Amino acid sequence: MPLSETLSPHLNLWLERDGQVVLSVWRVKLLATIEQTGSISAAAERMQVQYRLAWDRLDQMERGLGLRLVDRHAGGAGGGGASLTAAGRDLVKRFNALAGEVEACLAEHFLQAFGDL
């Protein structure tokens, strides 16, 4: 079996603003999971991280971007919840599109560099 068939390229994509990470694969996954679960705490649980970490990363994203990404709904008889704002949904969509393009480019360049092994 050719070596190029047993190797696979990987990379980690993130976006910074003023030297601070504002979006990354993990952070965008957190946003998408908040949208799916309707809750920051449920998203943290699904991603197997502490609630405090999820909350801190969300706060860092919002402060760094200067945008509200998640609408938080206060608890009550029916409980609280969270959902992405239009800006949050748009950033998830844009980041995922960029990541897909970068992955496709990486795969193409990987084949050019290692396809003959």
Protein backbone atom coordinates (compact mmCIF):
# COMPACT_ATOMS: atom_id res chain seq x y z
CA MET A 1 0.00 0.00 0.00
CA PRO A 2 1.42 3.42 -0.93
CA LEU A 3 2.49 5.57 2.03
CA SER A 4 0.27 8.42 0.83
CA GLU A 5 -2.79 6.20 1.43
CA THR A 6 -1.89 5.71 5.09
CA LEU A 7 -1.15 9.38 5.84
CA SER A 8 -3.78 12.03 6.36
CA PRO A 9 -3.22 15.76 6.79
CA HIS A 10 -4.81 17.75 9.61
CA LEU A 11 -4.79 21.35 10.72
CA ASN A 12 -6.37 23.54 13.34
CA LEU A 13 -8.06 26.71 12.12
CA TRP A 14 -8.79 29.71 14.31
CA LEU A 15 -9.41 33.42 13.85
CA GLU A 16 -7.88 36.09 16.06
CA ARG A 17 -8.71 39.70 16.69
CA ASP A 18 -6.05 41.85 18.33
CA GLY A 19 -4.09 38.71 19.18
CA GLN A 20 -7.03 37.01 20.92
CA VAL A 21 -8.79 33.91 19.60
CA VAL A 22 -12.38 34.79 18.73
CA LEU A 23 -13.38 31.80 16.59
CA SER A 24 -11.96 28.30 16.32
CA VAL A 25 -13.18 24.87 15.34
CA TRP A 26 -13.92 24.10 19.01
CA ARG A 27 -15.63 27.44 19.68
CA VAL A 28 -17.81 27.17 16.59
CA LYS A 29 -18.73 23.64 17.65
CA LEU A 30 -19.76 25.08 21.02
CA LEU A 31 -22.00 27.63 19.30
CA ALA A 32 -23.56 24.95 17.08
CA THR A 33 -24.12 22.70 20.09
CA ILE A 34 -25.79 25.54 22.00
CA GLU A 35 -28.13 25.97 19.04
CA GLN A 36 -28.83 22.22 18.88
CA THR A 37 -29.44 21.76 22.60
CA GLY A 38 -31.04 25.12 23.39
CA SER A 39 -28.81 25.47 26.44
CA ILE A 40 -25.28 26.48 27.34
CA SER A 41 -25.15 23.92 30.15
CA ALA A 42 -26.48 21.13 27.91
CA ALA A 43 -23.95 22.09 25.23
CA ALA A 44 -21.14 21.95 27.80
CA GLU A 45 -22.32 18.54 28.98
CA ARG A 46 -22.55 17.19 25.43
CA MET A 47 -19.04 18.47 24.68
CA GLN A 48 -17.82 17.04 27.98
CA VAL A 49 -16.46 20.31 29.36
CA GLN A 50 -17.27 22.25 32.47
CA TYR A 51 -20.07 24.78 32.21
CA ARG A 52 -17.69 27.51 33.38
CA LEU A 53 -15.31 26.82 30.48
CA ALA A 54 -18.15 26.99 27.94
CA TRP A 55 -19.43 30.22 29.50
CA ASP A 56 -15.93 31.77 29.54
CA ARG A 57 -15.26 30.90 25.89
CA LEU A 58 -18.63 32.27 24.86
CA ASP A 59 -17.92 35.49 26.75
CA GLN A 60 -14.48 35.75 25.12
CA MET A 61 -15.99 35.32 21.67
CA GLU A 62 -18.67 37.95 22.24
CA ARG A 63 -16.29 40.48 23.79
CA GLY A 64 -13.62 39.88 21.16
CA LEU A 65 -16.02 40.20 18.25
CA GLY A 66 -18.11 42.94 19.79
CA LEU A 67 -21.24 40.96 18.91
CA ARG A 68 -23.94 39.14 20.83
CA LEU A 69 -23.78 35.55 19.57
CA VAL A 70 -26.20 33.89 21.99
CA ASP A 71 -29.53 35.04 23.39
CA ARG A 72 -29.87 33.80 26.95
CA HIS A 73 -33.34 33.15 28.30
CA ALA A 74 -33.76 33.41 32.06
CA GLY A 75 -35.03 30.41 33.96
CA GLY A 76 -38.44 30.15 35.48
CA ALA A 77 -41.16 27.57 35.69
CA GLY A 78 -40.20 26.22 32.27
CA GLY A 79 -36.46 26.65 32.82
CA GLY A 80 -34.01 28.85 30.96
CA GLY A 81 -32.37 28.35 27.65
CA ALA A 82 -30.17 29.81 24.96
CA SER A 83 -30.24 30.19 21.21
CA LEU A 84 -27.93 31.71 18.65
CA THR A 85 -28.57 35.20 17.41
CA ALA A 86 -28.68 35.85 13.67
CA ALA A 87 -25.06 37.02 13.94
CA GLY A 88 -24.11 33.81 15.75
CA ARG A 89 -25.75 31.61 13.13
CA ASP A 90 -24.09 33.63 10.36
CA LEU A 91 -20.62 33.29 11.90
CA VAL A 92 -21.05 29.53 12.37
CA LYS A 93 -22.07 29.22 8.71
CA ARG A 94 -19.18 31.40 7.46
CA PHE A 95 -16.55 29.72 9.62
CA ASN A 96 -17.68 26.24 8.60
CA ALA A 97 -17.61 27.25 4.93
CA LEU A 98 -14.08 28.62 5.33
CA ALA A 99 -12.97 25.48 7.19
CA GLY A 100 -14.40 23.31 4.41
CA GLU A 101 -12.51 25.28 1.77
CA VAL A 102 -9.28 25.10 3.77
CA GLU A 103 -9.69 21.32 4.21
CA ALA A 104 -10.27 20.87 0.48
CA CYS A 105 -7.21 22.97 -0.33
CA LEU A 106 -5.14 21.02 2.20
CA ALA A 107 -6.24 17.69 0.67
CA GLU A 108 -5.31 18.90 -2.80
CA HIS A 109 -1.89 20.16 -1.74
CA PHE A 110 -1.28 17.02 0.30
CA LEU A 111 -1.80 14.89 -2.81
CA GLN A 112 0.55 17.10 -4.79
CA ALA A 113 3.24 16.87 -2.10
CA PHE A 114 2.84 13.23 -1.03
CA GLY A 115 0.82 11.50 -3.75
CA ASP A 116 3.86 9.82 -5.25
CA LEU A 117 4.91 8.03 -2.04
